[in-house]
Amino acid sequence: MRKVLPSSIALALFTASLVTICSPAQAAEVKMIATIERIELKEKSATVTLKDTKSDKHVSVTVNDDLTLDKLRDKRILEGDEIRLKYDDATGVATYFRKTAGC
């Protein structure tokens, strides 16, 4: 009995440590509808500052998508436009970036 109890405790601690170490941190994907306040174009990306229409919170995201970058450069997406977007909360990189009226 004395050998079973310490070994079972050790096994439980080992299992708990594996679960803690091996589980990756998940970043939340945030969806929102926002209005563009500022666009900063760079060579291969753009930083867009947005204002959430529901909470009035300001968010800055990075756009790396070539199609969206072309629309920003061609002025098809401008400051003041309403955007539907998804972005990774941890990195701030947009995964979906479209005008709500269609583009």
PDB file of N, CA and C in Angstrom:
ATOM      1  N   MET A   1       0.824  -1.195   0.000  1.00  0.00           N
ATOM      2  CA  MET A   1       0.000   0.000   0.000  1.00  0.00           C
ATOM      3  C   MET A   1       0.865   1.254   0.000  1.00  0.00           C
ATOM      4  N   ARG A   2       1.971   1.219   0.727  1.00  0.00           N
ATOM      5  CA  ARG A   2       2.820   2.392   0.798  1.00  0.00           C
ATOM      6  C   ARG A   2       3.494   2.681  -0.538  1.00  0.00           C
ATOM      7  N   LYS A   3       3.776   1.677  -1.352  1.00  0.00           N
ATOM      8  CA  LYS A   3       4.417   1.883  -2.648  1.00  0.00           C
ATOM      9  C   LYS A   3       3.411   2.334  -3.705  1.00  0.00           C
ATOM     10  N   VAL A   4       2.153   1.914  -3.576  1.00  0.00           N
ATOM     11  CA  VAL A   4       1.131   2.236  -4.564  1.00  0.00           C
ATOM     12  C   VAL A   4       0.747   3.710  -4.494  1.00  0.00           C
ATOM     13  N   LEU A   5       0.579   4.236  -3.326  1.00  0.00           N
ATOM     14  CA  LEU A   5       0.144   5.611  -3.163  1.00  0.00           C
ATOM     15  C   LEU A   5       1.162   6.623  -3.702  1.00  0.00           C
ATOM     16  N   PRO A   6       2.447   6.555  -3.349  1.00  0.00           N
ATOM     17  CA  PRO A   6       3.410   7.512  -3.919  1.00  0.00           C
ATOM     18  C   PRO A   6       3.573   7.370  -5.428  1.00  0.00           C
ATOM     19  N   SER A   7       3.520   6.166  -5.950  1.00  0.00           N
ATOM     20  CA  SER A   7       3.670   6.009  -7.402  1.00  0.00           C
ATOM     21  C   SER A   7       2.451   6.543  -8.146  1.00  0.00           C
ATOM     22  N   SER A   8       1.270   6.413  -7.569  1.00  0.00           N
ATOM     23  CA  SER A   8       0.081   6.958  -8.232  1.00  0.00           C
ATOM     24  C   SER A   8       0.086   8.479  -8.193  1.00  0.00           C
ATOM     25  N   ILE A   9       0.587   9.059  -7.114  1.00  0.00           N
ATOM     26  CA  ILE A   9       0.698  10.518  -7.028  1.00  0.00           C
ATOM     27  C   ILE A   9       1.731  11.018  -8.042  1.00  0.00           C
ATOM     28  N   ALA A  10       2.838  10.318  -8.139  1.00  0.00           N
ATOM     29  CA  ALA A  10       3.865  10.694  -9.105  1.00  0.00           C
ATOM     30  C   ALA A  10       3.331  10.601 -10.531  1.00  0.00           C
ATOM     31  N   LEU A  11       2.573   9.560 -10.825  1.00  0.00           N
ATOM     32  CA  LEU A  11       1.989   9.409 -12.166  1.00  0.00           C
ATOM     33  C   LEU A  11       1.006  10.536 -12.460  1.00  0.00           C
ATOM     34  N   ALA A  12       0.204  10.912 -11.466  1.00  0.00           N
ATOM     35  CA  ALA A  12      -0.760  12.007 -11.661  1.00  0.00           C
ATOM     36  C   ALA A  12      -0.044  13.327 -11.903  1.00  0.00           C
ATOM     37  N   LEU A  13       1.008  13.604 -11.163  1.00  0.00           N
ATOM     38  CA  LEU A  13       1.775  14.836 -11.371  1.00  0.00           C
ATOM     39  C   LEU A  13       2.456  14.850 -12.728  1.00  0.00           C
ATOM     40  N   PHE A  14       2.987  13.718 -13.143  1.00  0.00           N
ATOM     41  CA  PHE A  14       3.630  13.619 -14.449  1.00  0.00           C
ATOM     42  C   PHE A  14       2.630  13.878 -15.573  1.00  0.00           C
ATOM     43  N   THR A  15       1.450  13.298 -15.468  1.00  0.00           N
ATOM     44  CA  THR A  15       0.414  13.491 -16.487  1.00  0.00           C
ATOM     45  C   THR A  15      -0.032  14.953 -16.530  1.00  0.00           C
ATOM     46  N   ALA A  16      -0.205  15.561 -15.371  1.00  0.00           N
ATOM     47  CA  ALA A  16      -0.619  16.964 -15.333  1.00  0.00           C
ATOM     48  C   ALA A  16       0.440  17.872 -15.940  1.00  0.00           C
ATOM     49  N   SER A  17       1.710  17.565 -15.696  1.00  0.00           N
ATOM     50  CA  SER A  17       2.767  18.399 -16.267  1.00  0.00           C
ATOM     51  C   SER A  17       2.838  18.233 -17.779  1.00  0.00           C
ATOM     52  N   LEU A  18       2.593  17.033 -18.300  1.00  0.00           N
ATOM     53  CA  LEU A  18       2.582  16.829 -19.757  1.00  0.00           C
ATOM     54  C   LEU A  18       1.460  17.613 -20.415  1.00  0.00           C
ATOM     55  N   VAL A  19       0.293  17.600 -19.808  1.00  0.00           N
ATOM     56  CA  VAL A  19      -0.849  18.324 -20.368  1.00  0.00           C
ATOM     57  C   VAL A  19      -0.560  19.817 -20.373  1.00  0.00           C
ATOM     58  N   THR A  20       0.050  20.317 -19.329  1.00  0.00           N
ATOM     59  CA  THR A  20       0.368  21.743 -19.232  1.00  0.00           C
ATOM     60  C   THR A  20       1.424  22.154 -20.245  1.00  0.00           C
ATOM     61  N   ILE A  21       2.452  21.347 -20.404  1.00  0.00           N
ATOM     62  CA  ILE A  21       3.551  21.681 -21.310  1.00  0.00           C
ATOM     63  C   ILE A  21       3.159  21.503 -22.767  1.00  0.00           C
ATOM     64  N   CYS A  22       2.428  20.461 -23.078  1.00  0.00           N
ATOM     65  CA  CYS A  22       2.154  20.115 -24.473  1.00  0.00           C
ATOM     66  C   CYS A  22       0.973  20.852 -25.086  1.00  0.00           C
ATOM     67  N   SER A  23       0.124  21.467 -24.292  1.00  0.00           N
ATOM     68  CA  SER A  23      -1.025  22.155 -24.867  1.00  0.00           C
ATOM     69  C   SER A  23      -0.604  23.557 -25.310  1.00  0.00           C
ATOM     70  N   PRO A  24      -0.704  23.847 -26.613  1.00  0.00           N
ATOM     71  CA  PRO A  24      -0.306  25.159 -27.096  1.00  0.00           C
ATOM     72  C   PRO A  24      -1.330  26.218 -26.713  1.00  0.00           C
ATOM     73  N   ALA A  25      -0.861  27.422 -26.560  1.00  0.00           N
ATOM     74  CA  ALA A  25      -1.756  28.533 -26.247  1.00  0.00           C
ATOM     75  C   ALA A  25      -2.541  28.892 -27.496  1.00  0.00           C
ATOM     76  N   GLN A  26      -3.830  28.961 -27.371  1.00  0.00           N
ATOM     77  CA  GLN A  26      -4.697  29.265 -28.492  1.00  0.00           C
ATOM     78  C   GLN A  26      -5.028  30.755 -28.505  1.00  0.00           C
ATOM     79  N   ALA A  27      -4.793  31.385 -29.623  1.00  0.00           N
ATOM     80  CA  ALA A  27      -5.163  32.781 -29.788  1.00  0.00           C
ATOM     81  C   ALA A  27      -6.590  32.828 -30.330  1.00  0.00           C
ATOM     82  N   ALA A  28      -7.337  33.748 -29.852  1.00  0.00           N
ATOM     83  CA  ALA A  28      -8.722  33.861 -30.263  1.00  0.00           C
ATOM     84  C   ALA A  28      -8.825  34.613 -31.580  1.00  0.00           C
ATOM     85  N   GLU A  29      -9.678  34.105 -32.454  1.00  0.00           N
ATOM     86  CA  GLU A  29      -9.966  34.818 -33.696  1.00  0.00           C
ATOM     87  C   GLU A  29     -11.152  35.735 -33.422  1.00  0.00           C
ATOM     88  N   VAL A  30     -10.947  37.013 -33.634  1.00  0.00           N
ATOM     89  CA  VAL A  30     -11.962  38.013 -33.330  1.00  0.00           C
ATOM     90  C   VAL A  30     -12.648  38.430 -34.617  1.00  0.00           C
ATOM     91  N   LYS A  31     -13.989  38.482 -34.574  1.00  0.00           N
ATOM     92  CA  LYS A  31     -14.777  38.952 -35.713  1.00  0.00           C
ATOM     93  C   LYS A  31     -15.397  40.285 -35.316  1.00  0.00           C
ATOM     94  N   MET A  32     -15.414  41.213 -36.251  1.00  0.00           N
ATOM     95  CA  MET A  32     -16.049  42.502 -35.955  1.00  0.00           C
ATOM     96  C   MET A  32     -16.394  43.251 -37.232  1.00  0.00           C
ATOM     97  N   ILE A  33     -17.269  44.206 -37.072  1.00  0.00           N
ATOM     98  CA  ILE A  33     -17.568  45.181 -38.113  1.00  0.00           C
ATOM     99  C   ILE A  33     -17.052  46.508 -37.584  1.00  0.00           C
ATOM    100  N   ALA A  34     -16.218  47.169 -38.382  1.00  0.00           N
ATOM    101  CA  ALA A  34     -15.552  48.376 -37.908  1.00  0.00           C
ATOM    102  C   ALA A  34     -15.438  49.394 -39.036  1.00  0.00           C
ATOM    103  N   THR A  35     -15.139  50.616 -38.650  1.00  0.00           N
ATOM    104  CA  THR A  35     -14.921  51.700 -39.598  1.00  0.00           C
ATOM    105  C   THR A  35     -13.434  52.023 -39.642  1.00  0.00           C
ATOM    106  N   ILE A  36     -12.908  52.183 -40.858  1.00  0.00           N
ATOM    107  CA  ILE A  36     -11.483  52.479 -41.018  1.00  0.00           C
ATOM    108  C   ILE A  36     -11.228  53.926 -40.614  1.00  0.00           C
ATOM    109  N   GLU A  37     -10.263  54.120 -39.726  1.00  0.00           N
ATOM    110  CA  GLU A  37      -9.883  55.467 -39.314  1.00  0.00           C
ATOM    111  C   GLU A  37      -8.570  55.903 -39.953  1.00  0.00           C
ATOM    112  N   ARG A  38      -7.647  54.954 -40.151  1.00  0.00           N
ATOM    113  CA  ARG A  38      -6.346  55.319 -40.713  1.00  0.00           C
ATOM    114  C   ARG A  38      -5.732  54.123 -41.432  1.00  0.00           C
ATOM    115  N   ILE A  39      -5.098  54.386 -42.571  1.00  0.00           N
ATOM    116  CA  ILE A  39      -4.425  53.355 -43.359  1.00  0.00           C
ATOM    117  C   ILE A  39      -2.973  53.768 -43.549  1.00  0.00           C
ATOM    118  N   GLU A  40      -2.055  52.887 -43.179  1.00  0.00           N
ATOM    119  CA  GLU A  40      -0.628  53.123 -43.385  1.00  0.00           C
ATOM    120  C   GLU A  40      -0.099  52.027 -44.310  1.00  0.00           C
ATOM    121  N   LEU A  41       0.130  52.381 -45.569  1.00  0.00           N
ATOM    122  CA  LEU A  41       0.623  51.417 -46.542  1.00  0.00           C
ATOM    123  C   LEU A  41       2.134  51.280 -46.445  1.00  0.00           C
ATOM    124  N   LYS A  42       2.581  50.046 -46.497  1.00  0.00           N
ATOM    125  CA  LYS A  42       4.005  49.750 -46.549  1.00  0.00           C
ATOM    126  C   LYS A  42       4.247  48.949 -47.815  1.00  0.00           C
ATOM    127  N   GLU A  43       5.455  48.478 -47.998  1.00  0.00           N
ATOM    128  CA  GLU A  43       5.777  47.780 -49.239  1.00  0.00           C
ATOM    129  C   GLU A  43       5.013  46.465 -49.398  1.00  0.00           C
ATOM    130  N   LYS A  44       5.022  45.606 -48.369  1.00  0.00           N
ATOM    131  CA  LYS A  44       4.380  44.302 -48.484  1.00  0.00           C
ATOM    132  C   LYS A  44       3.293  44.083 -47.446  1.00  0.00           C
ATOM    133  N   SER A  45       2.873  45.140 -46.769  1.00  0.00           N
ATOM    134  CA  SER A  45       1.808  45.030 -45.779  1.00  0.00           C
ATOM    135  C   SER A  45       1.175  46.405 -45.572  1.00  0.00           C
ATOM    136  N   ALA A  46       0.153  46.411 -44.759  1.00  0.00           N
ATOM    137  CA  ALA A  46      -0.501  47.667 -44.395  1.00  0.00           C
ATOM    138  C   ALA A  46      -0.974  47.553 -42.955  1.00  0.00           C
ATOM    139  N   THR A  47      -0.868  48.648 -42.232  1.00  0.00           N
ATOM    140  CA  THR A  47      -1.406  48.720 -40.884  1.00  0.00           C
ATOM    141  C   THR A  47      -2.654  49.583 -40.937  1.00  0.00           C
ATOM    142  N   VAL A  48      -3.763  49.004 -40.499  1.00  0.00           N
ATOM    143  CA  VAL A  48      -5.049  49.686 -40.582  1.00  0.00           C
ATOM    144  C   VAL A  48      -5.582  49.875 -39.160  1.00  0.00           C
ATOM    145  N   THR A  49      -5.914  51.110 -38.827  1.00  0.00           N
ATOM    146  CA  THR A  49      -6.519  51.412 -37.530  1.00  0.00           C
ATOM    147  C   THR A  49      -8.019  51.492 -37.723  1.00  0.00           C
ATOM    148  N   LEU A  50      -8.748  50.733 -36.911  1.00  0.00           N
ATOM    149  CA  LEU A  50     -10.192  50.609 -37.051  1.00  0.00           C
ATOM    150  C   LEU A  50     -10.893  50.992 -35.752  1.00  0.00           C
ATOM    151  N   LYS A  51     -12.164  51.358 -35.880  1.00  0.00           N
ATOM    152  CA  LYS A  51     -13.004  51.640 -34.712  1.00  0.00           C
ATOM    153  C   LYS A  51     -14.194  50.691 -34.763  1.00  0.00           C
ATOM    154  N   ASP A  52     -14.308  49.830 -33.764  1.00  0.00           N
ATOM    155  CA  ASP A  52     -15.396  48.856 -33.683  1.00  0.00           C
ATOM    156  C   ASP A  52     -16.732  49.594 -33.572  1.00  0.00           C
ATOM    157  N   THR A  53     -17.704  49.202 -34.385  1.00  0.00           N
ATOM    158  CA  THR A  53     -18.991  49.895 -34.394  1.00  0.00           C
ATOM    159  C   THR A  53     -19.818  49.602 -33.145  1.00  0.00           C
ATOM    160  N   LYS A  54     -19.616  48.445 -32.510  1.00  0.00           N
ATOM    161  CA  LYS A  54     -20.405  48.108 -31.324  1.00  0.00           C
ATOM    162  C   LYS A  54     -19.840  48.716 -30.052  1.00  0.00           C
ATOM    163  N   SER A  55     -18.533  48.583 -29.859  1.00  0.00           N
ATOM    164  CA  SER A  55     -17.945  48.998 -28.581  1.00  0.00           C
ATOM    165  C   SER A  55     -17.138  50.293 -28.659  1.00  0.00           C
ATOM    166  N   ASP A  56     -16.982  50.870 -29.838  1.00  0.00           N
ATOM    167  CA  ASP A  56     -16.165  52.068 -30.067  1.00  0.00           C
ATOM    168  C   ASP A  56     -14.702  51.864 -29.670  1.00  0.00           C
ATOM    169  N   LYS A  57     -14.257  50.611 -29.628  1.00  0.00           N
ATOM    170  CA  LYS A  57     -12.875  50.282 -29.291  1.00  0.00           C
ATOM    171  C   LYS A  57     -12.000  50.446 -30.525  1.00  0.00           C
ATOM    172  N   HIS A  58     -10.805  50.993 -30.352  1.00  0.00           N
ATOM    173  CA  HIS A  58      -9.867  51.160 -31.456  1.00  0.00           C
ATOM    174  C   HIS A  58      -8.963  49.941 -31.541  1.00  0.00           C
ATOM    175  N   VAL A  59      -8.806  49.421 -32.759  1.00  0.00           N
ATOM    176  CA  VAL A  59      -8.006  48.228 -33.004  1.00  0.00           C
ATOM    177  C   VAL A  59      -7.081  48.505 -34.178  1.00  0.00           C
ATOM    178  N   SER A  60      -5.855  48.037 -34.074  1.00  0.00           N
ATOM    179  CA  SER A  60      -4.904  48.163 -35.168  1.00  0.00           C
ATOM    180  C   SER A  60      -4.562  46.759 -35.671  1.00  0.00           C
ATOM    181  N   VAL A  61      -4.760  46.510 -36.965  1.00  0.00           N
ATOM    182  CA  VAL A  61      -4.476  45.197 -37.551  1.00  0.00           C
ATOM    183  C   VAL A  61      -3.499  45.347 -38.708  1.00  0.00           C
ATOM    184  N   THR A  62      -2.817  44.258 -38.990  1.00  0.00           N
ATOM    185  CA  THR A  62      -1.889  44.209 -40.112  1.00  0.00           C
ATOM    186  C   THR A  62      -2.530  43.402 -41.226  1.00  0.00           C
ATOM    187  N   VAL A  63      -2.484  43.932 -42.442  1.00  0.00           N
ATOM    188  CA  VAL A  63      -3.035  43.249 -43.614  1.00  0.00           C
ATOM    189  C   VAL A  63      -1.867  42.794 -44.485  1.00  0.00           C
ATOM    190  N   ASN A  64      -1.811  41.485 -44.766  1.00  0.00           N
ATOM    191  CA  ASN A  64      -0.747  40.925 -45.600  1.00  0.00           C
ATOM    192  C   ASN A  64      -1.264  40.349 -46.903  1.00  0.00           C
ATOM    193  N   ASP A  65      -2.562  40.269 -47.053  1.00  0.00           N
ATOM    194  CA  ASP A  65      -3.199  39.670 -48.221  1.00  0.00           C
ATOM    195  C   ASP A  65      -2.982  40.553 -49.456  1.00  0.00           C
ATOM    196  N   ASP A  66      -2.435  39.969 -50.528  1.00  0.00           N
ATOM    197  CA  ASP A  66      -2.124  40.738 -51.735  1.00  0.00           C
ATOM    198  C   ASP A  66      -3.363  41.377 -52.372  1.00  0.00           C
ATOM    199  N   LEU A  67      -4.466  40.653 -52.412  1.00  0.00           N
ATOM    200  CA  LEU A  67      -5.690  41.182 -53.017  1.00  0.00           C
ATOM    201  C   LEU A  67      -6.203  42.395 -52.232  1.00  0.00           C
ATOM    202  N   THR A  68      -6.197  42.301 -50.918  1.00  0.00           N
ATOM    203  CA  THR A  68      -6.643  43.420 -50.090  1.00  0.00           C
ATOM    204  C   THR A  68      -5.671  44.589 -50.178  1.00  0.00           C
ATOM    205  N   LEU A  69      -4.375  44.295 -50.230  1.00  0.00           N
ATOM    206  CA  LEU A  69      -3.391  45.370 -50.383  1.00  0.00           C
ATOM    207  C   LEU A  69      -3.583  46.121 -51.695  1.00  0.00           C
ATOM    208  N   ASP A  70      -3.907  45.398 -52.775  1.00  0.00           N
ATOM    209  CA  ASP A  70      -4.194  46.054 -54.055  1.00  0.00           C
ATOM    210  C   ASP A  70      -5.402  46.973 -53.936  1.00  0.00           C
ATOM    211  N   LYS A  71      -6.430  46.534 -53.219  1.00  0.00           N
ATOM    212  CA  LYS A  71      -7.624  47.366 -53.039  1.00  0.00           C
ATOM    213  C   LYS A  71      -7.318  48.615 -52.214  1.00  0.00           C
ATOM    214  N   LEU A  72      -6.429  48.477 -51.238  1.00  0.00           N
ATOM    215  CA  LEU A  72      -6.037  49.640 -50.446  1.00  0.00           C
ATOM    216  C   LEU A  72      -5.215  50.618 -51.288  1.00  0.00           C
ATOM    217  N   ARG A  73      -4.315  50.102 -52.102  1.00  0.00           N
ATOM    218  CA  ARG A  73      -3.479  50.965 -52.949  1.00  0.00           C
ATOM    219  C   ARG A  73      -4.296  51.646 -54.048  1.00  0.00           C
ATOM    220  N   ASP A  74      -5.288  50.929 -54.619  1.00  0.00           N
ATOM    221  CA  ASP A  74      -6.114  51.473 -55.694  1.00  0.00           C
ATOM    222  C   ASP A  74      -7.236  52.372 -55.188  1.00  0.00           C
ATOM    223  N   LYS A  75      -7.300  52.567 -53.876  1.00  0.00           N
ATOM    224  CA  LYS A  75      -8.311  53.423 -53.241  1.00  0.00           C
ATOM    225  C   LYS A  75      -9.722  52.859 -53.395  1.00  0.00           C
ATOM    226  N   ARG A  76      -9.838  51.522 -53.553  1.00  0.00           N
ATOM    227  CA  ARG A  76     -11.165  50.900 -53.554  1.00  0.00           C
ATOM    228  C   ARG A  76     -11.654  50.693 -52.129  1.00  0.00           C
ATOM    229  N   ILE A  77     -10.717  50.660 -51.180  1.00  0.00           N
ATOM    230  CA  ILE A  77     -11.035  50.666 -49.754  1.00  0.00           C
ATOM    231  C   ILE A  77     -10.374  51.916 -49.182  1.00  0.00           C
ATOM    232  N   LEU A  78     -11.193  52.790 -48.588  1.00  0.00           N
ATOM    233  CA  LEU A  78     -10.716  54.088 -48.115  1.00  0.00           C
ATOM    234  C   LEU A  78     -11.005  54.282 -46.629  1.00  0.00           C
ATOM    235  N   GLU A  79     -10.417  55.318 -46.062  1.00  0.00           N
ATOM    236  CA  GLU A  79     -10.738  55.708 -44.693  1.00  0.00           C
ATOM    237  C   GLU A  79     -12.216  56.104 -44.652  1.00  0.00           C
ATOM    238  N   GLY A  80     -12.905  55.658 -43.613  1.00  0.00           N
ATOM    239  CA  GLY A  80     -14.335  55.927 -43.474  1.00  0.00           C
ATOM    240  C   GLY A  80     -15.206  54.780 -43.949  1.00  0.00           C
ATOM    241  N   ASP A  81     -14.643  53.824 -44.689  1.00  0.00           N
ATOM    242  CA  ASP A  81     -15.417  52.666 -45.148  1.00  0.00           C
ATOM    243  C   ASP A  81     -15.690  51.719 -43.992  1.00  0.00           C
ATOM    244  N   GLU A  82     -16.853  51.050 -44.067  1.00  0.00           N
ATOM    245  CA  GLU A  82     -17.199  50.054 -43.061  1.00  0.00           C
ATOM    246  C   GLU A  82     -16.677  48.697 -43.520  1.00  0.00           C
ATOM    247  N   ILE A  83     -15.984  47.995 -42.629  1.00  0.00           N
ATOM    248  CA  ILE A  83     -15.281  46.758 -42.954  1.00  0.00           C
ATOM    249  C   ILE A  83     -15.782  45.635 -42.069  1.00  0.00           C
ATOM    250  N   ARG A  84     -15.910  44.447 -42.659  1.00  0.00           N
ATOM    251  CA  ARG A  84     -16.153  43.221 -41.896  1.00  0.00           C
ATOM    252  C   ARG A  84     -14.823  42.488 -41.871  1.00  0.00           C
ATOM    253  N   LEU A  85     -14.324  42.156 -40.676  1.00  0.00           N
ATOM    254  CA  LEU A  85     -13.017  41.535 -40.608  1.00  0.00           C
ATOM    255  C   LEU A  85     -12.939  40.467 -39.539  1.00  0.00           C
ATOM    256  N   LYS A  86     -11.949  39.592 -39.728  1.00  0.00           N
ATOM    257  CA  LYS A  86     -11.542  38.611 -38.734  1.00  0.00           C
ATOM    258  C   LYS A  86     -10.048  38.797 -38.575  1.00  0.00           C
ATOM    259  N   TYR A  87      -9.584  38.746 -37.335  1.00  0.00           N
ATOM    260  CA  TYR A  87      -8.153  38.867 -37.105  1.00  0.00           C
ATOM    261  C   TYR A  87      -7.744  38.036 -35.904  1.00  0.00           C
ATOM    262  N   ASP A  88      -6.473  37.657 -35.882  1.00  0.00           N
ATOM    263  CA  ASP A  88      -5.900  36.895 -34.794  1.00  0.00           C
ATOM    264  C   ASP A  88      -5.575  37.856 -33.660  1.00  0.00           C
ATOM    265  N   ASP A  89      -6.149  37.608 -32.504  1.00  0.00           N
ATOM    266  CA  ASP A  89      -5.993  38.520 -31.373  1.00  0.00           C
ATOM    267  C   ASP A  89      -4.544  38.597 -30.882  1.00  0.00           C
ATOM    268  N   ALA A  90      -3.814  37.505 -30.965  1.00  0.00           N
ATOM    269  CA  ALA A  90      -2.437  37.493 -30.448  1.00  0.00           C
ATOM    270  C   ALA A  90      -1.472  38.243 -31.361  1.00  0.00           C
ATOM    271  N   THR A  91      -1.599  38.050 -32.666  1.00  0.00           N
ATOM    272  CA  THR A  91      -0.650  38.653 -33.606  1.00  0.00           C
ATOM    273  C   THR A  91      -1.157  39.940 -34.222  1.00  0.00           C
ATOM    274  N   GLY A  92      -2.466  40.135 -34.276  1.00  0.00           N
ATOM    275  CA  GLY A  92      -3.029  41.332 -34.888  1.00  0.00           C
ATOM    276  C   GLY A  92      -3.056  41.272 -36.404  1.00  0.00           C
ATOM    277  N   VAL A  93      -2.922  40.085 -36.984  1.00  0.00           N
ATOM    278  CA  VAL A  93      -2.925  39.913 -38.439  1.00  0.00           C
ATOM    279  C   VAL A  93      -4.337  39.580 -38.901  1.00  0.00           C
ATOM    280  N   ALA A  94      -4.821  40.319 -39.881  1.00  0.00           N
ATOM    281  CA  ALA A  94      -6.164  40.107 -40.414  1.00  0.00           C
ATOM    282  C   ALA A  94      -6.191  38.860 -41.281  1.00  0.00           C
ATOM    283  N   THR A  95      -7.203  38.008 -41.055  1.00  0.00           N
ATOM    284  CA  THR A  95      -7.388  36.816 -41.879  1.00  0.00           C
ATOM    285  C   THR A  95      -8.535  37.003 -42.875  1.00  0.00           C
ATOM    286  N   TYR A  96      -9.416  37.962 -42.609  1.00  0.00           N
ATOM    287  CA  TYR A  96     -10.535  38.284 -43.498  1.00  0.00           C
ATOM    288  C   TYR A  96     -10.751  39.782 -43.397  1.00  0.00           C
ATOM    289  N   PHE A  97     -10.825  40.473 -44.548  1.00  0.00           N
ATOM    290  CA  PHE A  97     -10.926  41.927 -44.545  1.00  0.00           C
ATOM    291  C   PHE A  97     -11.713  42.330 -45.786  1.00  0.00           C
ATOM    292  N   ARG A  98     -13.005  42.642 -45.634  1.00  0.00           N
ATOM    293  CA  ARG A  98     -13.862  42.987 -46.775  1.00  0.00           C
ATOM    294  C   ARG A  98     -14.768  44.152 -46.416  1.00  0.00           C
ATOM    295  N   LYS A  99     -15.150  44.920 -47.417  1.00  0.00           N
ATOM    296  CA  LYS A  99     -16.146  45.968 -47.214  1.00  0.00           C
ATOM    297  C   LYS A  99     -17.489  45.305 -46.974  1.00  0.00           C
ATOM    298  N   THR A 100     -18.296  45.889 -46.095  1.00  0.00           N
ATOM    299  CA  THR A 100     -19.595  45.304 -45.800  1.00  0.00           C
ATOM    300  C   THR A 100     -20.550  45.444 -46.986  1.00  0.00           C
ATOM    301  N   ALA A 101     -20.357  46.489 -47.793  1.00  0.00           N
ATOM    302  CA  ALA A 101     -21.232  46.705 -48.939  1.00  0.00           C
ATOM    303  C   ALA A 101     -20.800  45.869 -50.134  1.00  0.00           C
ATOM    304  N   GLY A 102     -19.673  45.184 -50.030  1.00  0.00           N
ATOM    305  CA  GLY A 102     -19.162  44.411 -51.144  1.00  0.00           C
ATOM    306  C   GLY A 102     -18.084  45.187 -51.872  1.00  0.00           C
ATOM    307  N   CYS A 103     -17.137  44.442 -52.404  1.00  0.00           N
ATOM    308  CA  CYS A 103     -16.028  45.120 -53.057  1.00  0.00           C
ATOM    309  C   CYS A 103     -15.481  44.247 -54.173  1.00  0.00           C
TER     310      CYS A 103
END
